Amino acid sequence: MAEGSAVSGAADAAGSTARSERDLRIDFFRGLALIFIFIDHVPGNILSVVTIGSFGFSDAAEVFIFLSGYSAAFVYGRVQRARGFIVALAQIWKRCWQLYVAHIFLFVVFTAEVAYIAARFRNPMFAEEMNVANFLQEPHIAVMMALSLQFQPAFMDILPLYIALLLLFPFALWGIERSPALVLAISVAAYVVQWWFNFDMPAYPEGSNWFFNPFAWQLLFVIGAVIGHATVAGRRLVLRGWPIIAAAGAIVAGSLIIVMSWKLANISPRVPALLLDELWPVDKTDLALVRLVHFLAVAYLVAVLVPPEHRMLRAPAAYPVILCGQNSLHIFCLSIFLCVIGHLAVVQLDYAFWVQALVNGFGIGIMMLTAGIILVQVDRANGKGPDRRVNCAAFGRELSAA
């Protein structure tokens, strides 16, 4: 999902003028989120200590949805301004269809992979853990539920959320073009009403709901879209100043202490019991307010402290991460297949350290290698030669010119 695909993007709250060149932060943090998603989906993964979820209330899911809203507004906002609402709507719905087809293909391969592993290793609990058991018991019903996005096996719940949000996005974008504040107010109201009346999307099997409640997560998507639209228009929505930075830092630091208290016994007595009792567990399905606030604080600090020209983004080590971010639909689908294999490996071999190291190295390496292969193939298809943009030292200039 490159920036032009509008599958995701990055918060450019620090920008004061609309820029046509690529903001490398978009691709870098999108790619990093994909790597974190892979790491977090492997049970008992030792590398999970470095992902965002280990340092606060939010995790890579918030990054993914926020960047999706930002990128959708950044890309299709330009289309709407240049060619009108109908053209923008057609392009957005075309993208919805592409994502839907990708999701169904992923579902077919995923269920086949899980079913084979469960039978091969005589482990029916594996199919249960991957939420595929119902498919094996009544495939005729499960397939129909999958086509309607109601059947969501493990790891396959975030694409349906994005498809649902993008399906209604043309109308939100039309409103953002005219009154961003009004659209944001409506989004906040919908979030509050959802929490008050407990709205949700039904899922399969009967009695279950979507893991990501679109009535709640739409708020984060809309916030990203409003910021992305402001970037296109050359406006800065987020205020700067050390008091604001300090407040955001305090939120991030406070959440870190609380999260650590849940994991470390020597810290827990130092945290007020009221905080522990009220915050745990932090509701992910309905996007608990503390998750939203924590993520926005993190996003603000990143936008302010990591400018678009930051040298970190030009470092050779950032190059493969950025490539993953530029091709995130392909890399996300690949990561799901790798998660299943990694899950099997670490469980079958009792979470051995060497197995986890191998799974992480192999999985992340395959993701980065695949992103590089896609880049070469795209360049060849465009007649630019297989070695364009391979020089890591100069890749920032090349990406900006792409």
Protein backbone atom coordinates (compact mmCIF):
# COMPACT_ATOMS: atom_id res chain seq x y z
CA MET A 1 0.00 0.00 0.00
CA ALA A 2 2.05 2.88 -1.21
CA GLU A 3 1.04 6.40 -0.40
CA GLY A 4 -0.80 6.67 -3.72
CA SER A 5 -2.91 3.65 -2.83
CA ALA A 6 -4.37 5.48 0.14
CA VAL A 7 -4.21 2.44 2.36
CA SER A 8 -2.27 4.31 4.96
CA GLY A 9 -0.19 7.41 5.60
CA ALA A 10 1.64 9.30 8.29
CA ALA A 11 0.68 12.23 10.43
CA ASP A 12 2.27 15.39 9.07
CA ALA A 13 1.07 17.69 11.79
CA ALA A 14 4.33 19.58 11.70
CA GLY A 15 3.99 20.61 8.07
CA SER A 16 2.79 24.12 7.38
CA THR A 17 2.57 23.94 3.61
CA ALA A 18 1.20 21.33 1.27
CA ARG A 19 3.94 19.26 -0.22
CA SER A 20 3.77 17.16 -3.33
CA GLU A 21 6.87 15.15 -2.45
CA ARG A 22 6.71 12.01 -0.40
CA ASP A 23 7.03 12.35 3.36
CA LEU A 24 9.34 9.52 4.34
CA ARG A 25 7.83 9.42 7.82
CA ILE A 26 4.64 8.06 6.26
CA ASP A 27 6.32 5.02 4.80
CA PHE A 28 8.76 4.50 7.67
CA PHE A 29 6.20 4.37 10.48
CA ARG A 30 3.77 2.40 8.34
CA GLY A 31 6.48 -0.17 7.68
CA LEU A 32 7.45 -0.20 11.34
CA ALA A 33 3.81 -0.83 12.30
CA LEU A 34 3.69 -3.82 9.95
CA ILE A 35 6.82 -5.28 11.54
CA PHE A 36 5.35 -4.71 15.00
CA ILE A 37 2.11 -6.42 13.96
CA PHE A 38 4.07 -9.46 12.84
CA ILE A 39 6.07 -9.54 16.07
CA ASP A 40 2.99 -9.17 18.29
CA HIS A 41 1.12 -11.93 16.44
CA VAL A 42 3.75 -14.53 17.33
CA PRO A 43 2.86 -15.78 20.85
CA GLY A 44 5.40 -15.27 23.59
CA ASN A 45 7.67 -13.38 21.23
CA ILE A 46 10.71 -12.00 23.01
CA LEU A 47 10.82 -9.08 20.56
CA SER A 48 7.38 -7.90 21.68
CA VAL A 49 9.15 -5.90 24.40
CA VAL A 50 10.28 -3.40 21.73
CA THR A 51 6.85 -2.83 20.16
CA ILE A 52 4.70 0.18 21.00
CA GLY A 53 2.22 -1.96 22.94
CA SER A 54 4.87 -2.69 25.57
CA PHE A 55 5.34 1.00 26.37
CA GLY A 56 1.79 2.27 26.63
CA PHE A 57 -1.91 1.68 26.16
CA SER A 58 -2.01 1.77 22.34
CA ASP A 59 -0.27 -0.49 19.85
CA ALA A 60 0.38 -0.94 16.13
CA ALA A 61 -3.35 -1.16 15.35
CA GLU A 62 -3.80 2.52 16.22
CA VAL A 63 -0.82 3.38 14.03
CA PHE A 64 -2.32 1.46 11.12
CA ILE A 65 -5.78 3.03 11.29
CA PHE A 66 -4.55 6.57 11.94
CA LEU A 67 -2.15 6.37 9.01
CA SER A 68 -4.92 4.94 6.86
CA GLY A 69 -7.14 7.95 7.50
CA TYR A 70 -4.28 10.37 6.94
CA SER A 71 -3.27 8.80 3.66
CA ALA A 72 -6.82 8.47 2.37
CA ALA A 73 -7.42 12.20 2.85
CA PHE A 74 -3.96 13.10 1.57
CA VAL A 75 -4.44 11.19 -1.69
CA TYR A 76 -8.16 11.36 -2.41
CA GLY A 77 -8.47 14.91 -1.11
CA ARG A 78 -6.32 15.99 -4.04
CA VAL A 79 -8.45 13.94 -6.42
CA GLN A 80 -11.63 15.52 -5.09
CA ARG A 81 -10.21 19.02 -5.43
CA ALA A 82 -8.95 18.44 -8.95
CA ARG A 83 -11.67 16.22 -10.43
CA GLY A 84 -14.68 16.43 -8.14
CA PHE A 85 -16.60 14.30 -5.68
CA ILE A 86 -17.82 11.64 -8.13
CA VAL A 87 -14.34 10.80 -9.40
CA ALA A 88 -12.99 10.66 -5.84
CA LEU A 89 -15.88 8.41 -4.79
CA ALA A 90 -15.26 6.09 -7.74
CA GLN A 91 -11.56 5.80 -6.96
CA ILE A 92 -12.14 5.19 -3.25
CA TRP A 93 -14.73 2.49 -3.91
CA LYS A 94 -12.43 0.91 -6.47
CA ARG A 95 -9.81 0.71 -3.73
CA CYS A 96 -12.41 -0.82 -1.40
CA TRP A 97 -13.03 -3.54 -3.96
CA GLN A 98 -9.30 -4.22 -4.30
CA LEU A 99 -8.97 -4.53 -0.54
CA TYR A 100 -12.01 -6.80 -0.38
CA VAL A 101 -10.59 -9.12 -3.03
CA ALA A 102 -7.26 -9.18 -1.20
CA HIS A 103 -9.02 -10.01 2.06
CA ILE A 104 -11.00 -12.89 0.54
CA PHE A 105 -7.89 -14.30 -1.11
CA LEU A 106 -6.06 -14.01 2.19
CA PHE A 107 -8.94 -15.77 3.95
CA VAL A 108 -8.86 -18.72 1.54
CA VAL A 109 -5.11 -19.22 1.80
CA PHE A 110 -5.11 -18.64 5.57
CA THR A 111 -7.83 -21.20 6.30
CA ALA A 112 -6.15 -23.73 4.01
CA GLU A 113 -2.82 -23.16 5.76
CA VAL A 114 -4.32 -23.53 9.23
CA ALA A 115 -6.40 -26.58 8.28
CA TYR A 116 -3.37 -28.33 6.79
CA ILE A 117 -1.21 -27.62 9.83
CA ALA A 118 -3.92 -28.78 12.24
CA ALA A 119 -4.33 -32.05 10.33
CA ARG A 120 -0.63 -32.60 9.67
CA PHE A 121 0.36 -32.19 13.31
CA ARG A 122 -2.87 -33.71 14.65
CA ASN A 123 -3.55 -30.60 16.66
CA PRO A 124 -7.23 -29.58 16.44
CA MET A 125 -6.61 -26.94 19.09
CA PHE A 126 -4.50 -25.04 16.57
CA ALA A 127 -7.55 -24.56 14.33
CA GLU A 128 -9.51 -23.50 17.40
CA GLU A 129 -6.85 -21.00 18.40
CA MET A 130 -6.75 -19.54 14.90
CA ASN A 131 -10.58 -19.26 14.99
CA VAL A 132 -10.97 -21.58 12.00
CA ALA A 133 -12.74 -24.48 13.73
CA ASN A 134 -16.18 -23.25 12.65
CA PHE A 135 -15.02 -23.19 9.04
CA LEU A 136 -13.97 -26.83 9.27
CA GLN A 137 -17.28 -27.82 10.89
CA GLU A 138 -19.67 -25.92 8.58
CA PRO A 139 -17.70 -24.51 5.63
CA HIS A 140 -20.81 -23.66 3.58
CA ILE A 141 -21.94 -21.19 6.26
CA ALA A 142 -18.48 -19.95 7.16
CA VAL A 143 -17.68 -19.05 3.55
CA MET A 144 -20.85 -16.98 3.25
CA MET A 145 -20.04 -15.23 6.51
CA ALA A 146 -16.50 -14.55 5.29
CA LEU A 147 -17.82 -12.99 2.09
CA SER A 148 -19.92 -10.61 4.20
CA LEU A 149 -16.87 -9.88 6.43
CA GLN A 150 -18.63 -11.40 9.43
CA PHE A 151 -16.27 -14.36 9.77
CA GLN A 152 -12.87 -13.05 10.83
CA PRO A 153 -10.24 -15.64 11.78
CA ALA A 154 -7.29 -14.70 13.96
CA PHE A 155 -5.07 -11.95 12.56
CA MET A 156 -7.68 -11.10 9.90
CA ASP A 157 -9.78 -8.49 11.68
CA ILE A 158 -8.13 -5.21 10.73
CA LEU A 159 -8.69 -5.29 6.95
CA PRO A 160 -12.49 -5.60 7.33
CA LEU A 161 -12.37 -2.57 9.60
CA TYR A 162 -10.45 -0.58 7.03
CA ILE A 163 -12.78 -1.65 4.22
CA ALA A 164 -15.82 -0.56 6.25
CA LEU A 165 -14.27 2.82 7.07
CA LEU A 166 -13.12 3.44 3.51
CA LEU A 167 -16.54 2.54 2.12
CA LEU A 168 -18.10 5.57 3.84
CA PHE A 169 -15.06 7.78 3.53
CA PRO A 170 -16.13 9.63 0.32
CA PHE A 171 -18.93 11.32 2.24
CA ALA A 172 -16.68 12.17 5.17
CA LEU A 173 -14.12 13.61 2.75
CA TRP A 174 -16.80 15.74 1.12
CA GLY A 175 -17.68 17.10 4.55
CA ILE A 176 -14.05 17.62 5.57
CA GLU A 177 -13.51 19.72 2.47
CA ARG A 178 -16.25 22.07 3.66
CA SER A 179 -16.13 21.90 7.46
CA PRO A 180 -13.49 19.70 9.11
CA ALA A 181 -14.66 20.78 12.57
CA LEU A 182 -18.22 19.62 11.88
CA VAL A 183 -17.11 16.22 10.59
CA LEU A 184 -14.83 15.78 13.59
CA ALA A 185 -17.67 16.76 15.94
CA ILE A 186 -19.97 14.19 14.32
CA SER A 187 -17.25 11.56 14.63
CA VAL A 188 -16.74 12.33 18.33
CA ALA A 189 -20.49 12.19 18.89
CA ALA A 190 -20.67 8.79 17.18
CA TYR A 191 -17.83 7.56 19.39
CA VAL A 192 -19.59 8.74 22.55
CA VAL A 193 -22.95 7.30 21.48
CA GLN A 194 -21.28 3.97 20.73
CA TRP A 195 -19.85 3.83 24.22
CA TRP A 196 -23.16 4.86 25.76
CA PHE A 197 -25.37 2.40 23.86
CA ASN A 198 -22.71 -0.25 23.14
CA PHE A 199 -23.21 -0.44 19.38
CA ASP A 200 -21.21 -3.11 17.58
CA MET A 201 -21.00 -5.09 14.35
CA PRO A 202 -22.26 -8.69 14.55
CA ALA A 203 -19.83 -11.42 13.57
CA TYR A 204 -19.74 -15.16 13.05
CA PRO A 205 -20.26 -17.42 14.95
CA GLU A 206 -23.53 -16.13 16.37
CA GLY A 207 -23.17 -14.09 19.51
CA SER A 208 -19.77 -12.66 18.65
CA ASN A 209 -18.85 -9.21 17.36
CA TRP A 210 -16.13 -7.63 15.24
CA PHE A 211 -12.89 -7.45 17.18
CA PHE A 212 -12.43 -3.85 15.98
CA ASN A 213 -15.69 -1.97 16.49
CA PRO A 214 -15.97 0.38 13.48
CA PHE A 215 -18.32 2.72 15.36
CA ALA A 216 -15.48 3.43 17.78
CA TRP A 217 -12.41 3.18 15.56
CA GLN A 218 -13.87 5.58 13.01
CA LEU A 219 -12.86 8.43 15.32
CA LEU A 220 -9.15 7.68 14.98
CA PHE A 221 -9.56 7.29 11.22
CA VAL A 222 -11.34 10.64 10.96
CA ILE A 223 -8.71 12.39 13.09
CA GLY A 224 -6.06 11.10 10.71
CA ALA A 225 -8.13 12.19 7.72
CA VAL A 226 -8.63 15.72 9.06
CA ILE A 227 -4.87 16.07 9.61
CA GLY A 228 -4.12 14.61 6.18
CA HIS A 229 -6.55 17.00 4.52
CA ALA A 230 -5.02 19.94 6.35
CA THR A 231 -1.62 18.87 5.04
CA VAL A 232 -2.90 18.97 1.48
CA ALA A 233 -4.38 22.41 2.10
CA GLY A 234 -1.15 23.70 3.66
CA ARG A 235 -2.59 24.21 7.13
CA ARG A 236 -1.15 23.23 10.50
CA LEU A 237 -3.75 21.90 12.90
CA VAL A 238 -1.55 20.93 15.83
CA LEU A 239 -0.14 23.68 18.00
CA ARG A 240 3.50 23.67 19.03
CA GLY A 241 5.17 24.73 22.23
CA TRP A 242 7.02 23.21 25.13
CA PRO A 243 3.94 23.12 27.41
CA ILE A 244 2.11 20.94 24.89
CA ILE A 245 5.17 18.77 24.33
CA ALA A 246 5.56 18.40 28.10
CA ALA A 247 1.90 17.41 28.48
CA ALA A 248 2.19 14.80 25.73
CA GLY A 249 5.39 13.52 27.30
CA ALA A 250 3.69 13.24 30.69
CA ILE A 251 0.87 11.18 29.16
CA VAL A 252 3.34 8.85 27.48
CA ALA A 253 5.49 8.54 30.61
CA GLY A 254 2.47 7.98 32.86
CA SER A 255 1.09 5.24 30.63
CA LEU A 256 4.52 3.60 30.56
CA ILE A 257 4.62 3.46 34.36
CA ILE A 258 1.12 2.00 34.56
CA VAL A 259 1.79 -0.61 31.87
CA MET A 260 5.04 -1.58 33.55
CA SER A 261 3.17 -1.97 36.85
CA TRP A 262 1.03 -4.65 35.20
CA LYS A 263 4.16 -6.58 34.29
CA LEU A 264 6.63 -5.91 37.10
CA ALA A 265 5.66 -6.81 40.67
CA ASN A 266 8.07 -4.33 42.27
CA ILE A 267 6.41 -1.40 40.50
CA SER A 268 2.77 -2.35 41.05
CA PRO A 269 2.58 -1.27 44.75
CA ARG A 270 3.76 2.21 43.76
CA VAL A 271 0.83 2.78 41.40
CA PRO A 272 -2.54 3.79 42.89
CA ALA A 273 -4.89 0.82 42.97
CA LEU A 274 -7.66 2.94 41.46
CA LEU A 275 -5.66 3.34 38.26
CA LEU A 276 -4.95 -0.36 38.05
CA ASP A 277 -8.54 -1.39 38.73
CA GLU A 278 -10.15 1.12 36.38
CA LEU A 279 -7.75 0.83 33.46
CA TRP A 280 -7.18 -2.90 33.31
CA PRO A 281 -7.96 -4.36 30.90
CA VAL A 282 -7.70 -1.53 28.38
CA ASP A 283 -10.55 -2.08 25.92
CA LYS A 284 -9.17 -2.50 22.41
CA THR A 285 -12.39 -3.53 20.68
CA ASP A 286 -14.15 -0.24 21.47
CA LEU A 287 -10.98 1.89 21.39
CA ALA A 288 -10.88 2.89 25.04
CA LEU A 289 -10.32 6.59 25.61
CA VAL A 290 -6.97 5.98 27.30
CA ARG A 291 -5.77 4.15 24.18
CA LEU A 292 -6.86 7.03 21.98
CA VAL A 293 -5.28 9.69 24.17
CA HIS A 294 -2.04 7.75 24.51
CA PHE A 295 -1.71 7.24 20.78
CA LEU A 296 -2.44 10.89 19.98
CA ALA A 297 0.23 11.91 22.49
CA VAL A 298 2.74 9.58 20.84
CA ALA A 299 1.78 10.78 17.36
CA TYR A 300 2.15 14.41 18.44
CA LEU A 301 5.63 13.82 19.85
CA VAL A 302 6.70 11.97 16.71
CA ALA A 303 5.34 14.69 14.42
CA VAL A 304 7.14 17.43 16.36
CA LEU A 305 10.38 15.68 17.26
CA VAL A 306 10.91 13.77 14.00
CA PRO A 307 10.68 16.29 11.13
CA PRO A 308 10.34 15.08 7.53
CA GLU A 309 14.02 15.76 6.86
CA HIS A 310 15.29 13.88 9.93
CA ARG A 311 18.52 12.04 9.14
CA MET A 312 17.15 8.86 10.69
CA LEU A 313 14.85 8.55 7.70
CA ARG A 314 17.84 8.67 5.34
CA ALA A 315 19.85 6.03 7.20
CA PRO A 316 20.51 2.80 5.26
CA ALA A 317 18.83 0.79 8.05
CA ALA A 318 15.58 2.70 7.45
CA TYR A 319 15.49 1.79 3.76
CA PRO A 320 13.96 -1.72 4.04
CA VAL A 321 11.43 -0.49 6.62
CA ILE A 322 10.34 2.27 4.24
CA LEU A 323 10.03 -0.23 1.40
CA CYS A 324 7.70 -2.33 3.57
CA GLY A 325 5.63 0.77 4.24
CA GLN A 326 5.40 1.56 0.54
CA ASN A 327 4.01 -1.91 -0.21
CA SER A 328 2.04 -2.48 2.95
CA LEU A 329 -0.94 -4.39 1.52
CA HIS A 330 1.36 -7.03 0.06
CA ILE A 331 3.56 -7.09 3.15
CA PHE A 332 0.61 -7.29 5.52
CA CYS A 333 -0.85 -10.29 3.67
CA LEU A 334 2.56 -11.95 3.64
CA SER A 335 3.01 -11.30 7.35
CA ILE A 336 -0.23 -13.16 8.11
CA PHE A 337 1.08 -16.30 6.43
CA LEU A 338 4.37 -15.92 8.27
CA CYS A 339 2.57 -15.43 11.60
CA VAL A 340 0.86 -18.81 11.26
CA ILE A 341 4.17 -20.56 10.57
CA GLY A 342 5.88 -18.67 13.37
CA HIS A 343 3.04 -19.45 15.78
CA LEU A 344 3.34 -23.15 14.99
CA ALA A 345 7.12 -23.18 15.32
CA VAL A 346 7.35 -21.49 18.72
CA VAL A 347 4.50 -23.50 20.22
CA GLN A 348 5.70 -26.86 18.91
CA LEU A 349 9.24 -26.20 20.15
CA ASP A 350 8.24 -24.84 23.57
CA TYR A 351 9.11 -21.19 22.92
CA ALA A 352 12.84 -21.91 22.73
CA PHE A 353 14.97 -18.81 22.40
CA TRP A 354 16.70 -19.99 19.25
CA VAL A 355 13.34 -20.74 17.63
CA GLN A 356 12.03 -17.26 18.41
CA ALA A 357 15.23 -15.70 17.06
CA LEU A 358 14.90 -17.75 13.88
CA VAL A 359 11.22 -16.92 13.45
CA ASN A 360 11.80 -13.20 13.94
CA GLY A 361 14.85 -13.05 11.69
CA PHE A 362 13.28 -15.16 8.97
CA GLY A 363 9.89 -13.45 9.08
CA ILE A 364 11.11 -9.86 9.12
CA GLY A 365 13.79 -10.69 6.56
CA ILE A 366 11.26 -12.23 4.16
CA MET A 367 9.00 -9.19 4.53
CA MET A 368 11.84 -6.80 3.69
CA LEU A 369 13.14 -8.96 0.84
CA THR A 370 9.66 -9.17 -0.68
CA ALA A 371 9.27 -5.39 -0.49
CA GLY A 372 12.57 -5.02 -2.34
CA ILE A 373 11.52 -7.51 -5.01
CA ILE A 374 8.26 -5.61 -5.53
CA LEU A 375 10.23 -2.38 -5.95
CA VAL A 376 12.48 -3.94 -8.60
CA GLN A 377 9.51 -5.42 -10.47
CA VAL A 378 7.62 -2.13 -10.45
CA ASP A 379 10.68 -0.27 -11.71
CA ARG A 380 11.15 -2.80 -14.49
CA ALA A 381 7.49 -2.50 -15.47
CA ASN A 382 7.92 1.28 -15.62
CA GLY A 383 11.04 0.94 -17.74
CA LYS A 384 13.32 2.44 -15.11
CA GLY A 385 15.71 -0.47 -14.77
CA PRO A 386 16.16 -2.95 -11.94
CA ASP A 387 18.80 -0.98 -10.06
CA ARG A 388 16.98 2.32 -9.62
CA ARG A 389 16.74 3.52 -5.98
CA VAL A 390 18.97 0.69 -4.77
CA ASN A 391 21.64 3.09 -3.49
CA CYS A 392 20.70 3.49 0.18
CA ALA A 393 22.68 6.69 0.57
CA ALA A 394 20.63 8.43 -2.09
CA PHE A 395 17.28 6.71 -1.64
CA GLY A 396 15.65 9.67 0.09
CA ARG A 397 16.06 11.87 -2.97
CA GLU A 398 14.86 9.10 -5.25
CA LEU A 399 11.75 8.38 -3.17
CA SER A 400 10.86 12.04 -3.09
CA ALA A 401 11.08 12.17 -6.85
CA ALA A 402 9.02 9.03 -7.36
